[in-house]
Structure formats: structure tokens, C-alpha cells
């Protein structure tokens, strides 16, 4: 009994003496937790990090045999185009500029009612690259607010005017709630012909196509779109909704 009592006393004494090299936990999860807590304390409670930068896409990576139809600015307001979108259930994305659309928002409300996506193309269509952060943010966020007021939505997708942007554009767009900057690989000319920015000289699955919406010259927008749909069909592809893939 005396030996058992002496052993118990020795164990208790060892437990009270810290072992060399074990003054802190060696559990890596615990260490990570402590580091995270220290960062929170140093930043102060409730301090959010910077918004994530949006990705830039001109073509969607997909195995689906689909392409995406996008229209810029908001110049064209032909009611026949609305009828075509409704009759064909055509998935289109309209990137709108406030100074161009002007009093024509009613036309795009009708397009939205038949399934068109409404996206951001800045307040005034001025080139963004090289402008200071505050100026770029004002042009992007300003149109976000305009579209929210008009349609009750804040778009996730943004197309910079002329397709030009810089790192400041991405920061500003992210700060305005944009998740993707949408460019294009294929464009439809005024006469309905196709031009390719890079890569194969044919339509490919995942291509983002931009159609010039200025009907003042060349073939009317509705006719150019119909011609494009024939080319899409001949390539064994179909039009799909951009917002479902980006």
C-alpha cells in the first residue's frame, strides 16, 4: 500500500511540472484557430475583407453544345425583336448603358418580361481603362443602382465599354457586386457576318457572341439574329442562357 501511495504521489508531481518543449499545443488545428483569432483581434470585430475580384470570361468552359447571345448599349428598340425573343423563347443577355437607353427602358422591361437577362454596361459608355478607382466605381455602381430602380435587380454580370479594362476595373466591379466581367470571342458585324477575336474561325461550344445593336446602319438586328441562329444550328449548337453558366 505504501508503494502504491508513493507512485501516485510521484505521478501527481510530474503532472504539475511542464515538460520541455510542450509549453504550447502541438495540435495544428488549434494553432490555426489561435492565429485566426489573433488576426480578428488585430483587425477589430466585424471588419470585412476586400471584395473578391470578378473573373473575366470571353468563352465558357462547358461540354454542352451551347453558345450565348449578348447585346450591348440599348440603341435598338424594335418591337419585332421582342416578338422574336418571345416566340422562339430565345435566351439573350442585354448589357445596358443608361445614357444610351435614355427613355427606352420600357422596351427592355418588355424584353425582361419575355425572359431576357438585364446586365450592366456602365452609366455613360466611356472607356474605363486608366480612370481612377472612384471614377470607375461611380460608372459601374451607378448603373447597378439605375437597373435596380428600374427592374428590381442588381446584375452579377458586367461588360466594360469597348471590351477594355484594367486591374482597377476589376476592383471597382467587385466592389459593386459584380461576379464576372463578360467579354466575347465572336462578334456579329453590321451586315450579319461573324468575326473572331481569337482562336478557331468557327463557332465553338461555350462561345460568347456579341451582336451590335445599332440598327442605324446595316442589316436590322432581328435579321442578323436570325442569320446567326441558322449558323448556330448548322454548327450543331444551340443558344443558352448566359446567367446559367457564368
C-alpha atoms as a PDB file:
ATOM      1  CA  UNK A   1       0.000   0.000   0.000  1.00  0.00           C
ATOM      2  CA  UNK A   2       2.872   2.388   0.814  1.00  0.00           C
ATOM      3  CA  UNK A   3       4.409   1.697  -2.632  1.00  0.00           C
ATOM      4  CA  UNK A   4       1.095   2.422  -4.368  1.00  0.00           C
ATOM      5  CA  UNK A   5       0.735   5.658  -2.437  1.00  0.00           C
ATOM      6  CA  UNK A   6       4.286   6.747  -3.295  1.00  0.00           C
ATOM      7  CA  UNK A   7       3.698   6.012  -7.011  1.00  0.00           C
ATOM      8  CA  UNK A   8       0.504   8.046  -7.022  1.00  0.00           C
ATOM      9  CA  UNK A   9       2.285  10.974  -5.388  1.00  0.00           C
ATOM     10  CA  UNK A  10       5.104  10.880  -7.947  1.00  0.00           C
ATOM     11  CA  UNK A  11       2.591  10.868 -10.858  1.00  0.00           C
ATOM     12  CA  UNK A  12       0.793  13.844  -9.409  1.00  0.00           C
ATOM     13  CA  UNK A  13       4.086  15.745  -9.054  1.00  0.00           C
ATOM     14  CA  UNK A  14       5.065  15.015 -12.684  1.00  0.00           C
ATOM     15  CA  UNK A  15       1.679  16.278 -13.890  1.00  0.00           C
ATOM     16  CA  UNK A  16       2.342  19.623 -12.199  1.00  0.00           C
ATOM     17  CA  UNK A  17       5.757  20.132 -13.845  1.00  0.00           C
ATOM     18  CA  UNK A  18       5.560  21.345 -17.557  1.00  0.00           C
ATOM     19  CA  UNK A  19       7.521  19.153 -19.937  1.00  0.00           C
ATOM     20  CA  UNK A  20      10.322  20.718 -22.015  1.00  0.00           C
ATOM     21  CA  UNK A  21       9.080  21.797 -25.472  1.00  0.00           C
ATOM     22  CA  UNK A  22       5.415  21.269 -24.561  1.00  0.00           C
ATOM     23  CA  UNK A  23       4.588  24.663 -23.146  1.00  0.00           C
ATOM     24  CA  UNK A  24       2.229  25.258 -26.186  1.00  0.00           C
ATOM     25  CA  UNK A  25      -0.132  22.948 -28.009  1.00  0.00           C
ATOM     26  CA  UNK A  26       1.319  20.978 -30.908  1.00  0.00           C
ATOM     27  CA  UNK A  27      -2.169  20.452 -32.403  1.00  0.00           C
ATOM     28  CA  UNK A  28      -2.015  22.192 -35.834  1.00  0.00           C
ATOM     29  CA  UNK A  29      -5.776  22.817 -35.878  1.00  0.00           C
ATOM     30  CA  UNK A  30      -5.544  24.547 -32.508  1.00  0.00           C
ATOM     31  CA  UNK A  31      -2.632  26.647 -33.759  1.00  0.00           C
ATOM     32  CA  UNK A  32      -4.599  27.704 -36.829  1.00  0.00           C
ATOM     33  CA  UNK A  33      -7.526  28.649 -34.627  1.00  0.00           C
ATOM     34  CA  UNK A  34      -5.305  30.799 -32.428  1.00  0.00           C
ATOM     35  CA  UNK A  35      -3.785  32.543 -35.459  1.00  0.00           C
ATOM     36  CA  UNK A  36      -7.219  33.265 -36.894  1.00  0.00           C
ATOM     37  CA  UNK A  37      -8.375  34.685 -33.580  1.00  0.00           C
ATOM     38  CA  UNK A  38      -5.286  36.879 -33.396  1.00  0.00           C
ATOM     39  CA  UNK A  39      -5.997  38.242 -36.898  1.00  0.00           C
ATOM     40  CA  UNK A  40      -9.580  39.047 -35.931  1.00  0.00           C
ATOM     41  CA  UNK A  41      -8.391  40.842 -32.779  1.00  0.00           C
ATOM     42  CA  UNK A  42      -5.811  42.838 -34.739  1.00  0.00           C
ATOM     43  CA  UNK A  43      -8.382  43.888 -37.369  1.00  0.00           C
ATOM     44  CA  UNK A  44     -11.123  44.596 -34.918  1.00  0.00           C
ATOM     45  CA  UNK A  45     -14.546  42.919 -34.735  1.00  0.00           C
ATOM     46  CA  UNK A  46     -16.750  42.854 -37.827  1.00  0.00           C
ATOM     47  CA  UNK A  47     -14.128  44.179 -40.279  1.00  0.00           C
ATOM     48  CA  UNK A  48     -14.853  42.623 -43.701  1.00  0.00           C
ATOM     49  CA  UNK A  49     -12.110  41.699 -46.140  1.00  0.00           C
ATOM     50  CA  UNK A  50     -11.866  43.247 -49.603  1.00  0.00           C
ATOM     51  CA  UNK A  51     -14.470  42.044 -52.137  1.00  0.00           C
ATOM     52  CA  UNK A  52     -13.441  39.187 -54.376  1.00  0.00           C
ATOM     53  CA  UNK A  53     -12.254  40.186 -57.838  1.00  0.00           C
ATOM     54  CA  UNK A  54     -14.643  39.087 -60.590  1.00  0.00           C
ATOM     55  CA  UNK A  55     -13.449  36.624 -63.183  1.00  0.00           C
ATOM     56  CA  UNK A  56     -13.060  37.652 -66.829  1.00  0.00           C
ATOM     57  CA  UNK A  57     -14.633  35.411 -69.489  1.00  0.00           C
ATOM     58  CA  UNK A  58     -14.895  35.566 -73.267  1.00  0.00           C
ATOM     59  CA  UNK A  59     -15.840  31.900 -73.594  1.00  0.00           C
ATOM     60  CA  UNK A  60     -17.436  29.492 -71.152  1.00  0.00           C
ATOM     61  CA  UNK A  61     -15.761  26.173 -70.421  1.00  0.00           C
ATOM     62  CA  UNK A  62     -18.527  23.648 -70.961  1.00  0.00           C
ATOM     63  CA  UNK A  63     -19.120  20.337 -72.686  1.00  0.00           C
ATOM     64  CA  UNK A  64     -22.638  21.427 -73.545  1.00  0.00           C
ATOM     65  CA  UNK A  65     -23.062  22.335 -77.199  1.00  0.00           C
ATOM     66  CA  UNK A  66     -24.254  25.848 -76.453  1.00  0.00           C
ATOM     67  CA  UNK A  67     -23.366  29.442 -77.297  1.00  0.00           C
ATOM     68  CA  UNK A  68     -24.502  32.679 -75.664  1.00  0.00           C
ATOM     69  CA  UNK A  69     -26.107  35.701 -77.343  1.00  0.00           C
ATOM     70  CA  UNK A  70     -25.310  39.122 -75.881  1.00  0.00           C
ATOM     71  CA  UNK A  71     -26.369  42.618 -76.965  1.00  0.00           C
ATOM     72  CA  UNK A  72     -24.768  45.890 -75.920  1.00  0.00           C
ATOM     73  CA  UNK A  73     -25.760  49.508 -75.232  1.00  0.00           C
ATOM     74  CA  UNK A  74     -29.529  49.552 -75.803  1.00  0.00           C
ATOM     75  CA  UNK A  75     -29.773  51.564 -79.019  1.00  0.00           C
ATOM     76  CA  UNK A  76     -32.135  49.201 -80.836  1.00  0.00           C
ATOM     77  CA  UNK A  77     -35.777  49.093 -79.685  1.00  0.00           C
ATOM     78  CA  UNK A  78     -37.580  47.214 -82.430  1.00  0.00           C
ATOM     79  CA  UNK A  79     -40.748  45.564 -81.079  1.00  0.00           C
ATOM     80  CA  UNK A  80     -40.257  42.788 -83.665  1.00  0.00           C
ATOM     81  CA  UNK A  81     -37.140  41.747 -81.755  1.00  0.00           C
ATOM     82  CA  UNK A  82     -39.206  41.398 -78.573  1.00  0.00           C
ATOM     83  CA  UNK A  83     -41.708  39.270 -80.500  1.00  0.00           C
ATOM     84  CA  UNK A  84     -38.901  37.045 -81.799  1.00  0.00           C
ATOM     85  CA  UNK A  85     -37.425  36.549 -78.320  1.00  0.00           C
ATOM     86  CA  UNK A  86     -40.860  35.608 -77.009  1.00  0.00           C
ATOM     87  CA  UNK A  87     -41.843  33.314 -79.888  1.00  0.00           C
ATOM     88  CA  UNK A  88     -38.525  31.460 -80.009  1.00  0.00           C
ATOM     89  CA  UNK A  89     -38.019  31.600 -76.231  1.00  0.00           C
ATOM     90  CA  UNK A  90     -34.610  32.945 -77.133  1.00  0.00           C
ATOM     91  CA  UNK A  91     -32.143  33.314 -74.227  1.00  0.00           C
ATOM     92  CA  UNK A  92     -30.429  36.687 -74.651  1.00  0.00           C
ATOM     93  CA  UNK A  93     -28.436  38.953 -72.323  1.00  0.00           C
ATOM     94  CA  UNK A  94     -28.812  42.724 -72.721  1.00  0.00           C
ATOM     95  CA  UNK A  95     -25.871  44.804 -71.403  1.00  0.00           C
ATOM     96  CA  UNK A  96     -27.414  48.252 -70.960  1.00  0.00           C
ATOM     97  CA  UNK A  97     -25.885  51.735 -70.808  1.00  0.00           C
ATOM     98  CA  UNK A  98     -28.067  54.325 -69.103  1.00  0.00           C
ATOM     99  CA  UNK A  99     -27.074  57.276 -71.312  1.00  0.00           C
ATOM    100  CA  UNK A 100     -27.865  55.215 -74.429  1.00  0.00           C
ATOM    101  CA  UNK A 101     -31.112  53.655 -73.251  1.00  0.00           C
ATOM    102  CA  UNK A 102     -32.423  57.031 -72.073  1.00  0.00           C
ATOM    103  CA  UNK A 103     -36.217  56.963 -72.067  1.00  0.00           C
ATOM    104  CA  UNK A 104     -36.293  53.497 -73.667  1.00  0.00           C
ATOM    105  CA  UNK A 105     -36.253  51.391 -70.505  1.00  0.00           C
ATOM    106  CA  UNK A 106     -39.836  50.317 -71.176  1.00  0.00           C
ATOM    107  CA  UNK A 107     -38.663  48.362 -74.226  1.00  0.00           C
ATOM    108  CA  UNK A 108     -36.169  46.431 -72.097  1.00  0.00           C
ATOM    109  CA  UNK A 109     -38.779  45.839 -69.420  1.00  0.00           C
ATOM    110  CA  UNK A 110     -40.801  44.057 -72.123  1.00  0.00           C
ATOM    111  CA  UNK A 111     -37.719  42.078 -73.106  1.00  0.00           C
ATOM    112  CA  UNK A 112     -37.105  41.129 -69.490  1.00  0.00           C
ATOM    113  CA  UNK A 113     -40.740  40.035 -69.204  1.00  0.00           C
ATOM    114  CA  UNK A 114     -40.187  37.507 -72.013  1.00  0.00           C
ATOM    115  CA  UNK A 115     -37.009  36.128 -70.481  1.00  0.00           C
ATOM    116  CA  UNK A 116     -34.109  38.407 -71.477  1.00  0.00           C
ATOM    117  CA  UNK A 117     -31.319  38.929 -68.947  1.00  0.00           C
ATOM    118  CA  UNK A 118     -30.550  42.523 -67.965  1.00  0.00           C
ATOM    119  CA  UNK A 119     -26.870  43.259 -67.260  1.00  0.00           C
ATOM    120  CA  UNK A 120     -24.533  46.224 -66.631  1.00  0.00           C
ATOM    121  CA  UNK A 121     -22.670  48.207 -69.324  1.00  0.00           C
ATOM    122  CA  UNK A 122     -21.949  51.406 -67.260  1.00  0.00           C
ATOM    123  CA  UNK A 123     -23.780  54.702 -66.980  1.00  0.00           C
ATOM    124  CA  UNK A 124     -22.292  56.505 -69.978  1.00  0.00           C
ATOM    125  CA  UNK A 125     -20.259  54.057 -72.138  1.00  0.00           C
ATOM    126  CA  UNK A 126     -16.949  55.838 -71.642  1.00  0.00           C
ATOM    127  CA  UNK A 127     -13.776  53.728 -71.735  1.00  0.00           C
ATOM    128  CA  UNK A 128     -12.756  52.706 -68.214  1.00  0.00           C
ATOM    129  CA  UNK A 129      -9.141  51.652 -68.559  1.00  0.00           C
ATOM    130  CA  UNK A 130      -6.814  54.191 -66.957  1.00  0.00           C
ATOM    131  CA  UNK A 131      -9.509  56.012 -64.993  1.00  0.00           C
ATOM    132  CA  UNK A 132      -9.106  56.302 -61.195  1.00  0.00           C
ATOM    133  CA  UNK A 133     -10.883  53.858 -58.923  1.00  0.00           C
ATOM    134  CA  UNK A 134     -13.522  56.339 -57.760  1.00  0.00           C
ATOM    135  CA  UNK A 135     -14.472  57.233 -61.323  1.00  0.00           C
ATOM    136  CA  UNK A 136     -14.746  53.625 -62.470  1.00  0.00           C
ATOM    137  CA  UNK A 137     -16.728  52.652 -59.405  1.00  0.00           C
ATOM    138  CA  UNK A 138     -19.164  55.530 -59.944  1.00  0.00           C
ATOM    139  CA  UNK A 139     -19.851  54.457 -63.531  1.00  0.00           C
ATOM    140  CA  UNK A 140     -20.366  50.792 -62.636  1.00  0.00           C
ATOM    141  CA  UNK A 141     -22.162  51.139 -59.299  1.00  0.00           C
ATOM    142  CA  UNK A 142     -24.257  53.992 -60.696  1.00  0.00           C
ATOM    143  CA  UNK A 143     -25.676  51.713 -63.379  1.00  0.00           C
ATOM    144  CA  UNK A 144     -26.218  48.974 -60.801  1.00  0.00           C
ATOM    145  CA  UNK A 145     -28.462  51.373 -58.917  1.00  0.00           C
ATOM    146  CA  UNK A 146     -30.247  52.515 -62.089  1.00  0.00           C
ATOM    147  CA  UNK A 147     -31.040  48.925 -63.039  1.00  0.00           C
ATOM    148  CA  UNK A 148     -32.128  48.100 -59.502  1.00  0.00           C
ATOM    149  CA  UNK A 149     -34.500  51.071 -59.541  1.00  0.00           C
ATOM    150  CA  UNK A 150     -35.863  50.175 -62.998  1.00  0.00           C
ATOM    151  CA  UNK A 151     -36.084  46.385 -62.747  1.00  0.00           C
ATOM    152  CA  UNK A 152     -35.576  45.483 -59.092  1.00  0.00           C
ATOM    153  CA  UNK A 153     -32.356  43.572 -59.834  1.00  0.00           C
ATOM    154  CA  UNK A 154     -28.657  44.202 -59.271  1.00  0.00           C
ATOM    155  CA  UNK A 155     -26.827  42.434 -62.117  1.00  0.00           C
ATOM    156  CA  UNK A 156     -23.978  39.996 -61.440  1.00  0.00           C
ATOM    157  CA  UNK A 157     -22.516  40.401 -64.934  1.00  0.00           C
ATOM    158  CA  UNK A 158     -20.720  43.425 -66.362  1.00  0.00           C
ATOM    159  CA  UNK A 159     -19.283  44.267 -69.768  1.00  0.00           C
ATOM    160  CA  UNK A 160     -16.800  47.161 -69.938  1.00  0.00           C
ATOM    161  CA  UNK A 161     -17.381  49.524 -72.876  1.00  0.00           C
ATOM    162  CA  UNK A 162     -15.277  48.574 -75.920  1.00  0.00           C
ATOM    163  CA  UNK A 163     -14.117  45.497 -74.003  1.00  0.00           C
ATOM    164  CA  UNK A 164     -11.270  47.451 -72.377  1.00  0.00           C
ATOM    165  CA  UNK A 165     -10.466  47.239 -68.665  1.00  0.00           C
ATOM    166  CA  UNK A 166      -7.607  47.171 -66.163  1.00  0.00           C
ATOM    167  CA  UNK A 167      -6.970  45.907 -62.643  1.00  0.00           C
ATOM    168  CA  UNK A 168      -8.787  48.943 -61.240  1.00  0.00           C
ATOM    169  CA  UNK A 169     -11.870  47.989 -63.266  1.00  0.00           C
ATOM    170  CA  UNK A 170     -11.917  44.563 -61.642  1.00  0.00           C
ATOM    171  CA  UNK A 171     -11.593  46.077 -58.153  1.00  0.00           C
ATOM    172  CA  UNK A 172     -14.359  48.570 -58.844  1.00  0.00           C
ATOM    173  CA  UNK A 173     -16.645  45.945 -60.389  1.00  0.00           C
ATOM    174  CA  UNK A 174     -16.115  43.614 -57.445  1.00  0.00           C
ATOM    175  CA  UNK A 175     -16.957  46.441 -55.063  1.00  0.00           C
ATOM    176  CA  UNK A 176     -20.225  46.974 -56.965  1.00  0.00           C
ATOM    177  CA  UNK A 177     -21.303  43.357 -56.560  1.00  0.00           C
ATOM    178  CA  UNK A 178     -20.202  42.098 -59.986  1.00  0.00           C
ATOM    179  CA  UNK A 179     -19.123  38.446 -60.102  1.00  0.00           C
ATOM    180  CA  UNK A 180     -17.977  38.230 -63.757  1.00  0.00           C
ATOM    181  CA  UNK A 181     -16.666  40.594 -66.437  1.00  0.00           C
ATOM    182  CA  UNK A 182     -18.040  39.326 -69.729  1.00  0.00           C
ATOM    183  CA  UNK A 183     -16.163  39.867 -72.989  1.00  0.00           C
ATOM    184  CA  UNK A 184     -16.659  37.866 -76.213  1.00  0.00           C
ATOM    185  CA  UNK A 185     -14.838  35.623 -78.660  1.00  0.00           C
ATOM    186  CA  UNK A 186     -17.247  36.137 -81.571  1.00  0.00           C
ATOM    187  CA  UNK A 187     -18.967  39.269 -82.847  1.00  0.00           C
ATOM    188  CA  UNK A 188     -21.698  39.806 -85.431  1.00  0.00           C
ATOM    189  CA  UNK A 189     -20.968  42.649 -87.843  1.00  0.00           C
ATOM    190  CA  UNK A 190     -23.448  45.186 -89.217  1.00  0.00           C
ATOM    191  CA  UNK A 191     -24.009  43.005 -92.280  1.00  0.00           C
ATOM    192  CA  UNK A 192     -24.536  39.849 -90.204  1.00  0.00           C
ATOM    193  CA  UNK A 193     -21.104  38.321 -90.803  1.00  0.00           C
ATOM    194  CA  UNK A 194     -19.111  36.710 -87.985  1.00  0.00           C
ATOM    195  CA  UNK A 195     -15.725  37.951 -86.734  1.00  0.00           C
ATOM    196  CA  UNK A 196     -13.479  36.094 -84.306  1.00  0.00           C
ATOM    197  CA  UNK A 197     -11.291  37.757 -81.689  1.00  0.00           C
ATOM    198  CA  UNK A 198      -9.012  34.750 -81.264  1.00  0.00           C
ATOM    199  CA  UNK A 199      -8.828  31.013 -81.821  1.00  0.00           C
ATOM    200  CA  UNK A 200     -10.756  28.926 -84.330  1.00  0.00           C
ATOM    201  CA  UNK A 201     -12.569  30.729 -87.128  1.00  0.00           C
ATOM    202  CA  UNK A 202     -15.820  28.916 -86.432  1.00  0.00           C
ATOM    203  CA  UNK A 203     -18.425  28.746 -83.712  1.00  0.00           C
ATOM    204  CA  UNK A 204     -17.412  26.548 -80.774  1.00  0.00           C
ATOM    205  CA  UNK A 205     -19.269  25.268 -77.710  1.00  0.00           C
ATOM    206  CA  UNK A 206     -19.165  27.892 -74.962  1.00  0.00           C
ATOM    207  CA  UNK A 207     -18.645  30.864 -77.287  1.00  0.00           C
ATOM    208  CA  UNK A 208     -19.929  34.224 -76.100  1.00  0.00           C
ATOM    209  CA  UNK A 209     -21.240  36.148 -79.114  1.00  0.00           C
ATOM    210  CA  UNK A 210     -21.831  39.892 -79.134  1.00  0.00           C
ATOM    211  CA  UNK A 211     -24.309  41.390 -81.595  1.00  0.00           C
ATOM    212  CA  UNK A 212     -24.036  45.090 -82.417  1.00  0.00           C
ATOM    213  CA  UNK A 213     -27.405  46.556 -81.502  1.00  0.00           C
ATOM    214  CA  UNK A 214     -27.086  49.710 -83.645  1.00  0.00           C
ATOM    215  CA  UNK A 215     -29.763  49.397 -86.313  1.00  0.00           C
ATOM    216  CA  UNK A 216     -28.997  52.741 -87.969  1.00  0.00           C
ATOM    217  CA  UNK A 217     -26.673  51.031 -90.457  1.00  0.00           C
ATOM    218  CA  UNK A 218     -26.527  47.593 -91.999  1.00  0.00           C
ATOM    219  CA  UNK A 219     -28.944  44.706 -91.601  1.00  0.00           C
ATOM    220  CA  UNK A 220     -31.669  45.066 -88.924  1.00  0.00           C
ATOM    221  CA  UNK A 221     -30.907  43.436 -85.584  1.00  0.00           C
ATOM    222  CA  UNK A 222     -33.743  40.909 -85.852  1.00  0.00           C
ATOM    223  CA  UNK A 223     -32.491  39.718 -89.253  1.00  0.00           C
ATOM    224  CA  UNK A 224     -28.886  39.492 -88.070  1.00  0.00           C
ATOM    225  CA  UNK A 225     -30.001  37.434 -85.104  1.00  0.00           C
ATOM    226  CA  UNK A 226     -31.995  35.064 -87.329  1.00  0.00           C
ATOM    227  CA  UNK A 227     -28.969  34.621 -89.599  1.00  0.00           C
ATOM    228  CA  UNK A 228     -26.824  33.900 -86.552  1.00  0.00           C
ATOM    229  CA  UNK A 229     -29.317  31.306 -85.309  1.00  0.00           C
ATOM    230  CA  UNK A 230     -29.064  29.496 -88.650  1.00  0.00           C
ATOM    231  CA  UNK A 231     -25.265  29.424 -88.327  1.00  0.00           C
ATOM    232  CA  UNK A 232     -25.553  28.175 -84.753  1.00  0.00           C
ATOM    233  CA  UNK A 233     -27.872  25.385 -85.891  1.00  0.00           C
ATOM    234  CA  UNK A 234     -25.607  24.444 -88.803  1.00  0.00           C
ATOM    235  CA  UNK A 235     -22.744  24.068 -86.307  1.00  0.00           C
ATOM    236  CA  UNK A 236     -24.803  21.636 -84.228  1.00  0.00           C
ATOM    237  CA  UNK A 237     -25.141  24.143 -81.396  1.00  0.00           C
ATOM    238  CA  UNK A 238     -27.966  25.955 -79.631  1.00  0.00           C
ATOM    239  CA  UNK A 239     -28.370  29.225 -77.738  1.00  0.00           C
ATOM    240  CA  UNK A 240     -28.368  29.018 -73.931  1.00  0.00           C
ATOM    241  CA  UNK A 241     -28.885  31.434 -71.068  1.00  0.00           C
ATOM    242  CA  UNK A 242     -25.571  33.064 -70.106  1.00  0.00           C
ATOM    243  CA  UNK A 243     -26.592  33.613 -66.496  1.00  0.00           C
ATOM    244  CA  UNK A 244     -26.990  29.846 -66.028  1.00  0.00           C
ATOM    245  CA  UNK A 245     -23.324  29.241 -66.919  1.00  0.00           C
ATOM    246  CA  UNK A 246     -21.420  32.253 -65.539  1.00  0.00           C
END
